Amino acid sequence: MGRSVFRFLSRQPDKPDLASEFHRLRLARYNDFEQWHALRSESRSFLQPWEPSWRPDDLTERAFRARVLRNEQEYYAGLAVPLFLFSRPDDTLLGGLTIGLIRRGASQSCMIGYWMGERHAGRGHMFAALQLAIPYIFRVLELHRIEAACIPDNQKSIRLLERTGFQREGLLREYLKINGQWRDHALYSRLAETTGGNRDKER
């Protein structure tokens, strides 16, 4: 009964499975550990400049299983939708995209964050992931506003956000502690009214 109540509160159906011809977004599973461990391990130096400092046990199976459980709890509570990105049809793990900080009431908004394995970067995979995630956020979650915070010198992420219709709104000073240092972040957003044809008309 508790689970059905959470679904009602979060306005969400069963676990999301968003797919196109070449990509798939879904919640993590315990049996994703080996792929996740290999990809994160080999991409550590590539990812660390843009992420919070990794804990000593961050890549252990125990920590991963706790992450999977926490992700499901946050999803059913309507707080976040933490997704893994896979290629299709071979189900190779490419990275992750999290729809987090979901706020209801008068806000109806969320914050997105994402990461990509080094060997898969620069190939358009995250752009494709956002093409799946953005309609899900607006049409299924029925949110009005998507926010994204980006370190100002992360030009690749900035280009990705601008390419997918996000607009810069301002600067968040010392917003997040990244790689051991408090870093400023540029705030970007995209509104529901700017999806599809409406966005094209504004340009």
C-alpha atoms as a PDB file:
ATOM      1  CA  MET A   1       0.000   0.000   0.000  1.00  0.00           C
ATOM      2  CA  GLY A   2       2.860   2.378   0.802  1.00  0.00           C
ATOM      3  CA  ARG A   3       4.272   2.038  -2.669  1.00  0.00           C
ATOM      4  CA  SER A   4       0.964   2.907  -4.352  1.00  0.00           C
ATOM      5  CA  VAL A   5       0.695   5.991  -2.143  1.00  0.00           C
ATOM      6  CA  PHE A   6       4.159   7.089  -3.220  1.00  0.00           C
ATOM      7  CA  ARG A   7       3.164   6.636  -6.848  1.00  0.00           C
ATOM      8  CA  PHE A   8       0.100   8.777  -6.294  1.00  0.00           C
ATOM      9  CA  LEU A   9       2.096  11.498  -4.567  1.00  0.00           C
ATOM     10  CA  SER A  10       4.817  11.527  -7.209  1.00  0.00           C
ATOM     11  CA  ARG A  11       2.419  11.245 -10.161  1.00  0.00           C
ATOM     12  CA  GLN A  12       4.625   8.500 -11.565  1.00  0.00           C
ATOM     13  CA  PRO A  13       3.801   5.075 -13.053  1.00  0.00           C
ATOM     14  CA  ASP A  14       5.986   1.992 -12.683  1.00  0.00           C
ATOM     15  CA  LYS A  15       9.741   2.268 -13.181  1.00  0.00           C
ATOM     16  CA  PRO A  16      10.602   4.418 -16.205  1.00  0.00           C
ATOM     17  CA  ASP A  17      12.107   2.800 -19.283  1.00  0.00           C
ATOM     18  CA  LEU A  18      12.757   5.456 -21.920  1.00  0.00           C
ATOM     19  CA  ALA A  19      14.051   4.180 -25.232  1.00  0.00           C
ATOM     20  CA  SER A  20      14.809   5.237 -28.781  1.00  0.00           C
ATOM     21  CA  GLU A  21      16.322   3.183 -31.579  1.00  0.00           C
ATOM     22  CA  PHE A  22      19.867   3.588 -30.249  1.00  0.00           C
ATOM     23  CA  HIS A  23      19.579   4.595 -26.565  1.00  0.00           C
ATOM     24  CA  ARG A  24      17.815   3.588 -23.373  1.00  0.00           C
ATOM     25  CA  LEU A  25      17.359   5.274 -19.980  1.00  0.00           C
ATOM     26  CA  ARG A  26      16.308   3.226 -16.936  1.00  0.00           C
ATOM     27  CA  LEU A  27      16.903   2.904 -13.203  1.00  0.00           C
ATOM     28  CA  ALA A  28      20.054   1.081 -12.114  1.00  0.00           C
ATOM     29  CA  ARG A  29      19.865  -2.594 -11.172  1.00  0.00           C
ATOM     30  CA  TYR A  30      22.151  -4.719  -8.999  1.00  0.00           C
ATOM     31  CA  ASN A  31      23.415  -6.631 -12.032  1.00  0.00           C
ATOM     32  CA  ASP A  32      24.694  -3.372 -13.590  1.00  0.00           C
ATOM     33  CA  PHE A  33      27.546  -3.316 -11.075  1.00  0.00           C
ATOM     34  CA  GLU A  34      30.292  -4.813 -13.249  1.00  0.00           C
ATOM     35  CA  GLN A  35      29.650  -2.443 -16.156  1.00  0.00           C
ATOM     36  CA  TRP A  36      29.304   0.530 -13.832  1.00  0.00           C
ATOM     37  CA  HIS A  37      32.473  -0.337 -11.891  1.00  0.00           C
ATOM     38  CA  ALA A  38      34.534  -0.771 -15.062  1.00  0.00           C
ATOM     39  CA  LEU A  39      33.278   2.437 -16.691  1.00  0.00           C
ATOM     40  CA  ARG A  40      33.640   4.627 -13.595  1.00  0.00           C
ATOM     41  CA  SER A  41      37.071   3.195 -12.772  1.00  0.00           C
ATOM     42  CA  GLU A  42      38.546   3.804 -16.197  1.00  0.00           C
ATOM     43  CA  SER A  43      36.923   7.270 -16.394  1.00  0.00           C
ATOM     44  CA  ARG A  44      37.991   8.495 -12.957  1.00  0.00           C
ATOM     45  CA  SER A  45      40.519  11.131 -14.060  1.00  0.00           C
ATOM     46  CA  PHE A  46      38.077  12.280 -16.750  1.00  0.00           C
ATOM     47  CA  LEU A  47      35.118  12.656 -14.357  1.00  0.00           C
ATOM     48  CA  GLN A  48      36.731  13.802 -11.110  1.00  0.00           C
ATOM     49  CA  PRO A  49      37.243  17.490 -12.076  1.00  0.00           C
ATOM     50  CA  TRP A  50      33.465  17.851 -12.487  1.00  0.00           C
ATOM     51  CA  GLU A  51      32.162  15.783  -9.570  1.00  0.00           C
ATOM     52  CA  PRO A  52      32.211  15.786  -5.759  1.00  0.00           C
ATOM     53  CA  SER A  53      35.238  13.994  -4.314  1.00  0.00           C
ATOM     54  CA  TRP A  54      34.862  10.227  -4.461  1.00  0.00           C
ATOM     55  CA  ARG A  55      34.741   8.379  -1.152  1.00  0.00           C
ATOM     56  CA  PRO A  56      37.319   5.608  -0.579  1.00  0.00           C
ATOM     57  CA  ASP A  57      34.579   2.961  -0.897  1.00  0.00           C
ATOM     58  CA  ASP A  58      32.768   4.661  -3.772  1.00  0.00           C
ATOM     59  CA  LEU A  59      33.415   1.905  -6.314  1.00  0.00           C
ATOM     60  CA  THR A  60      32.694  -1.080  -4.071  1.00  0.00           C
ATOM     61  CA  GLU A  61      29.819  -3.442  -4.742  1.00  0.00           C
ATOM     62  CA  ARG A  62      28.380  -2.717  -1.318  1.00  0.00           C
ATOM     63  CA  ALA A  63      28.275   1.023  -2.047  1.00  0.00           C
ATOM     64  CA  PHE A  64      26.703   0.343  -5.435  1.00  0.00           C
ATOM     65  CA  ARG A  65      23.963  -1.829  -3.951  1.00  0.00           C
ATOM     66  CA  ALA A  66      23.213   0.906  -1.406  1.00  0.00           C
ATOM     67  CA  ARG A  67      23.063   3.396  -4.292  1.00  0.00           C
ATOM     68  CA  VAL A  68      20.565   1.253  -6.206  1.00  0.00           C
ATOM     69  CA  LEU A  69      18.335   0.914  -3.147  1.00  0.00           C
ATOM     70  CA  ARG A  70      18.522   4.644  -2.392  1.00  0.00           C
ATOM     71  CA  ASN A  71      17.724   5.485  -6.019  1.00  0.00           C
ATOM     72  CA  GLU A  72      14.581   3.353  -5.940  1.00  0.00           C
ATOM     73  CA  GLN A  73      13.491   4.896  -2.658  1.00  0.00           C
ATOM     74  CA  GLU A  74      13.954   8.406  -4.049  1.00  0.00           C
ATOM     75  CA  TYR A  75      12.069   7.472  -7.197  1.00  0.00           C
ATOM     76  CA  TYR A  76       9.039   6.031  -5.405  1.00  0.00           C
ATOM     77  CA  ALA A  77       9.026   8.992  -3.017  1.00  0.00           C
ATOM     78  CA  GLY A  78       8.833  11.334  -6.009  1.00  0.00           C
ATOM     79  CA  LEU A  79      12.132  13.023  -5.120  1.00  0.00           C
ATOM     80  CA  ALA A  80      14.337  11.971  -8.032  1.00  0.00           C
ATOM     81  CA  VAL A  81      14.605   9.768 -11.112  1.00  0.00           C
ATOM     82  CA  PRO A  82      18.245   8.566 -11.262  1.00  0.00           C
ATOM     83  CA  LEU A  83      18.761   6.883 -14.641  1.00  0.00           C
ATOM     84  CA  PHE A  84      21.528   4.936 -16.344  1.00  0.00           C
ATOM     85  CA  LEU A  85      22.119   5.500 -20.058  1.00  0.00           C
ATOM     86  CA  PHE A  86      22.691   2.458 -22.280  1.00  0.00           C
ATOM     87  CA  SER A  87      23.289   1.973 -25.967  1.00  0.00           C
ATOM     88  CA  ARG A  88      20.886  -0.240 -27.885  1.00  0.00           C
ATOM     89  CA  PRO A  89      20.617  -3.037 -28.727  1.00  0.00           C
ATOM     90  CA  ASP A  90      23.771  -4.224 -26.920  1.00  0.00           C
ATOM     91  CA  ASP A  91      22.941  -2.629 -23.509  1.00  0.00           C
ATOM     92  CA  THR A  92      26.399  -1.136 -23.070  1.00  0.00           C
ATOM     93  CA  LEU A  93      26.472   1.338 -20.185  1.00  0.00           C
ATOM     94  CA  LEU A  94      27.420   4.807 -21.439  1.00  0.00           C
ATOM     95  CA  GLY A  95      26.786   7.090 -18.447  1.00  0.00           C
ATOM     96  CA  GLY A  96      23.998   8.421 -16.283  1.00  0.00           C
ATOM     97  CA  LEU A  97      21.378  11.177 -16.119  1.00  0.00           C
ATOM     98  CA  THR A  98      19.611  12.124 -12.897  1.00  0.00           C
ATOM     99  CA  ILE A  99      16.369  14.066 -12.646  1.00  0.00           C
ATOM    100  CA  GLY A 100      16.735  15.300  -9.080  1.00  0.00           C
ATOM    101  CA  LEU A 101      15.501  17.849  -6.565  1.00  0.00           C
ATOM    102  CA  ILE A 102      11.937  17.406  -7.835  1.00  0.00           C
ATOM    103  CA  ARG A 103       9.753  20.110  -6.333  1.00  0.00           C
ATOM    104  CA  ARG A 104       5.972  20.077  -6.532  1.00  0.00           C
ATOM    105  CA  GLY A 105       3.467  22.659  -5.344  1.00  0.00           C
ATOM    106  CA  ALA A 106       3.973  26.109  -6.810  1.00  0.00           C
ATOM    107  CA  SER A 107       7.452  25.239  -8.155  1.00  0.00           C
ATOM    108  CA  GLN A 108       6.863  22.169 -10.362  1.00  0.00           C
ATOM    109  CA  SER A 109      10.561  21.978 -11.193  1.00  0.00           C
ATOM    110  CA  CYS A 110      13.611  19.754 -11.087  1.00  0.00           C
ATOM    111  CA  MET A 111      17.388  19.816 -11.460  1.00  0.00           C
ATOM    112  CA  ILE A 112      19.194  17.548 -13.905  1.00  0.00           C
ATOM    113  CA  GLY A 113      22.752  16.290 -13.754  1.00  0.00           C
ATOM    114  CA  TYR A 114      24.638  13.838 -15.947  1.00  0.00           C
ATOM    115  CA  TRP A 115      27.926  12.019 -16.475  1.00  0.00           C
ATOM    116  CA  MET A 116      29.457  10.169 -19.397  1.00  0.00           C
ATOM    117  CA  GLY A 117      32.137   7.479 -19.522  1.00  0.00           C
ATOM    118  CA  GLU A 118      35.318   8.813 -21.092  1.00  0.00           C
ATOM    119  CA  ARG A 119      35.398   6.393 -24.014  1.00  0.00           C
ATOM    120  CA  HIS A 120      31.841   7.337 -24.972  1.00  0.00           C
ATOM    121  CA  ALA A 121      32.215  11.123 -24.639  1.00  0.00           C
ATOM    122  CA  GLY A 122      31.860  13.477 -27.585  1.00  0.00           C
ATOM    123  CA  ARG A 123      29.678  11.119 -29.631  1.00  0.00           C
ATOM    124  CA  GLY A 124      26.269  12.700 -29.065  1.00  0.00           C
ATOM    125  CA  HIS A 125      25.038  10.141 -26.539  1.00  0.00           C
ATOM    126  CA  MET A 126      24.063  12.649 -23.846  1.00  0.00           C
ATOM    127  CA  PHE A 127      22.313  14.835 -26.391  1.00  0.00           C
ATOM    128  CA  ALA A 128      20.254  11.760 -27.340  1.00  0.00           C
ATOM    129  CA  ALA A 129      19.598  11.052 -23.655  1.00  0.00           C
ATOM    130  CA  LEU A 130      18.237  14.547 -23.124  1.00  0.00           C
ATOM    131  CA  GLN A 131      15.925  14.079 -26.112  1.00  0.00           C
ATOM    132  CA  LEU A 132      14.393  11.191 -24.155  1.00  0.00           C
ATOM    133  CA  ALA A 133      14.478  12.811 -20.723  1.00  0.00           C
ATOM    134  CA  ILE A 134      13.058  16.252 -21.526  1.00  0.00           C
ATOM    135  CA  PRO A 135       9.675  15.038 -22.900  1.00  0.00           C
ATOM    136  CA  TYR A 136       9.440  12.617 -19.949  1.00  0.00           C
ATOM    137  CA  ILE A 137       9.979  15.477 -17.497  1.00  0.00           C
ATOM    138  CA  PHE A 138       7.369  17.733 -19.067  1.00  0.00           C
ATOM    139  CA  ARG A 139       4.748  15.211 -20.180  1.00  0.00           C
ATOM    140  CA  VAL A 140       4.967  12.351 -17.680  1.00  0.00           C
ATOM    141  CA  LEU A 141       6.253  14.078 -14.545  1.00  0.00           C
ATOM    142  CA  GLU A 142       4.259  17.163 -15.570  1.00  0.00           C
ATOM    143  CA  LEU A 143       6.913  19.588 -14.397  1.00  0.00           C
ATOM    144  CA  HIS A 144       7.124  23.158 -15.616  1.00  0.00           C
ATOM    145  CA  ARG A 145      10.832  23.944 -15.284  1.00  0.00           C
ATOM    146  CA  ILE A 146      14.119  22.058 -15.693  1.00  0.00           C
ATOM    147  CA  GLU A 147      17.279  23.511 -14.174  1.00  0.00           C
ATOM    148  CA  ALA A 148      20.912  22.555 -14.726  1.00  0.00           C
ATOM    149  CA  ALA A 149      23.998  23.930 -12.964  1.00  0.00           C
ATOM    150  CA  CYS A 150      27.293  23.873 -14.825  1.00  0.00           C
ATOM    151  CA  ILE A 151      30.837  24.922 -13.910  1.00  0.00           C
ATOM    152  CA  PRO A 152      31.476  27.954 -16.161  1.00  0.00           C
ATOM    153  CA  ASP A 153      34.639  26.516 -17.733  1.00  0.00           C
ATOM    154  CA  ASN A 154      32.956  23.229 -18.668  1.00  0.00           C
ATOM    155  CA  GLN A 155      32.427  24.286 -22.256  1.00  0.00           C
ATOM    156  CA  LYS A 156      31.290  20.867 -23.468  1.00  0.00           C
ATOM    157  CA  SER A 157      28.444  20.786 -20.961  1.00  0.00           C
ATOM    158  CA  ILE A 158      27.486  24.369 -21.742  1.00  0.00           C
ATOM    159  CA  ARG A 159      27.293  23.607 -25.466  1.00  0.00           C
ATOM    160  CA  LEU A 160      25.157  20.556 -24.730  1.00  0.00           C
ATOM    161  CA  LEU A 161      22.694  22.538 -22.625  1.00  0.00           C
ATOM    162  CA  GLU A 162      22.425  25.347 -25.167  1.00  0.00           C
ATOM    163  CA  ARG A 163      21.963  22.858 -27.987  1.00  0.00           C
ATOM    164  CA  THR A 164      19.032  21.279 -26.135  1.00  0.00           C
ATOM    165  CA  GLY A 165      17.222  24.560 -25.574  1.00  0.00           C
ATOM    166  CA  PHE A 166      18.469  25.641 -22.142  1.00  0.00           C
ATOM    167  CA  GLN A 167      19.075  29.324 -21.458  1.00  0.00           C
ATOM    168  CA  ARG A 168      21.557  30.806 -19.025  1.00  0.00           C
ATOM    169  CA  GLU A 169      19.982  32.669 -16.118  1.00  0.00           C
ATOM    170  CA  GLY A 170      22.855  33.665 -13.870  1.00  0.00           C
ATOM    171  CA  LEU A 171      25.707  32.589 -11.614  1.00  0.00           C
ATOM    172  CA  LEU A 172      25.421  30.564  -8.407  1.00  0.00           C
ATOM    173  CA  ARG A 173      28.411  31.488  -6.250  1.00  0.00           C
ATOM    174  CA  GLU A 174      30.275  28.599  -4.605  1.00  0.00           C
ATOM    175  CA  TYR A 175      27.224  26.463  -5.312  1.00  0.00           C
ATOM    176  CA  LEU A 176      28.690  22.950  -5.008  1.00  0.00           C
ATOM    177  CA  LYS A 177      31.834  21.415  -3.543  1.00  0.00           C
ATOM    178  CA  ILE A 178      33.431  19.821  -6.591  1.00  0.00           C
ATOM    179  CA  ASN A 179      36.643  17.797  -6.394  1.00  0.00           C
ATOM    180  CA  GLY A 180      37.298  19.246  -2.936  1.00  0.00           C
ATOM    181  CA  GLN A 181      36.664  22.912  -3.780  1.00  0.00           C
ATOM    182  CA  TRP A 182      33.588  25.143  -3.629  1.00  0.00           C
ATOM    183  CA  ARG A 183      32.913  26.074  -7.252  1.00  0.00           C
ATOM    184  CA  ASP A 184      30.723  28.699  -8.889  1.00  0.00           C
ATOM    185  CA  HIS A 185      28.108  27.291 -11.257  1.00  0.00           C
ATOM    186  CA  ALA A 186      26.225  28.865 -14.148  1.00  0.00           C
ATOM    187  CA  LEU A 187      22.484  28.254 -13.843  1.00  0.00           C
ATOM    188  CA  TYR A 188      20.614  27.155 -16.962  1.00  0.00           C
ATOM    189  CA  SER A 189      16.921  26.419 -17.357  1.00  0.00           C
ATOM    190  CA  ARG A 190      14.363  25.223 -19.850  1.00  0.00           C
ATOM    191  CA  LEU A 191      10.616  25.812 -19.482  1.00  0.00           C
ATOM    192  CA  ALA A 192       7.732  23.628 -20.583  1.00  0.00           C
ATOM    193  CA  GLU A 193       6.379  26.379 -22.834  1.00  0.00           C
ATOM    194  CA  THR A 194       9.580  26.313 -24.862  1.00  0.00           C
ATOM    195  CA  THR A 195       9.256  22.672 -25.986  1.00  0.00           C
ATOM    196  CA  GLY A 196       8.642  21.615 -29.557  1.00  0.00           C
ATOM    197  CA  GLY A 197       7.130  24.105 -31.954  1.00  0.00           C
ATOM    198  CA  ASN A 198       6.872  26.924 -29.422  1.00  0.00           C
ATOM    199  CA  ARG A 199      10.634  26.979 -28.975  1.00  0.00           C
ATOM    200  CA  ASP A 200      11.159  27.009 -32.728  1.00  0.00           C
ATOM    201  CA  LYS A 201       8.825  29.989 -33.076  1.00  0.00           C
ATOM    202  CA  GLU A 202      10.789  31.960 -30.494  1.00  0.00           C
ATOM    203  CA  ARG A 203      14.061  31.645 -32.409  1.00  0.00           C
END
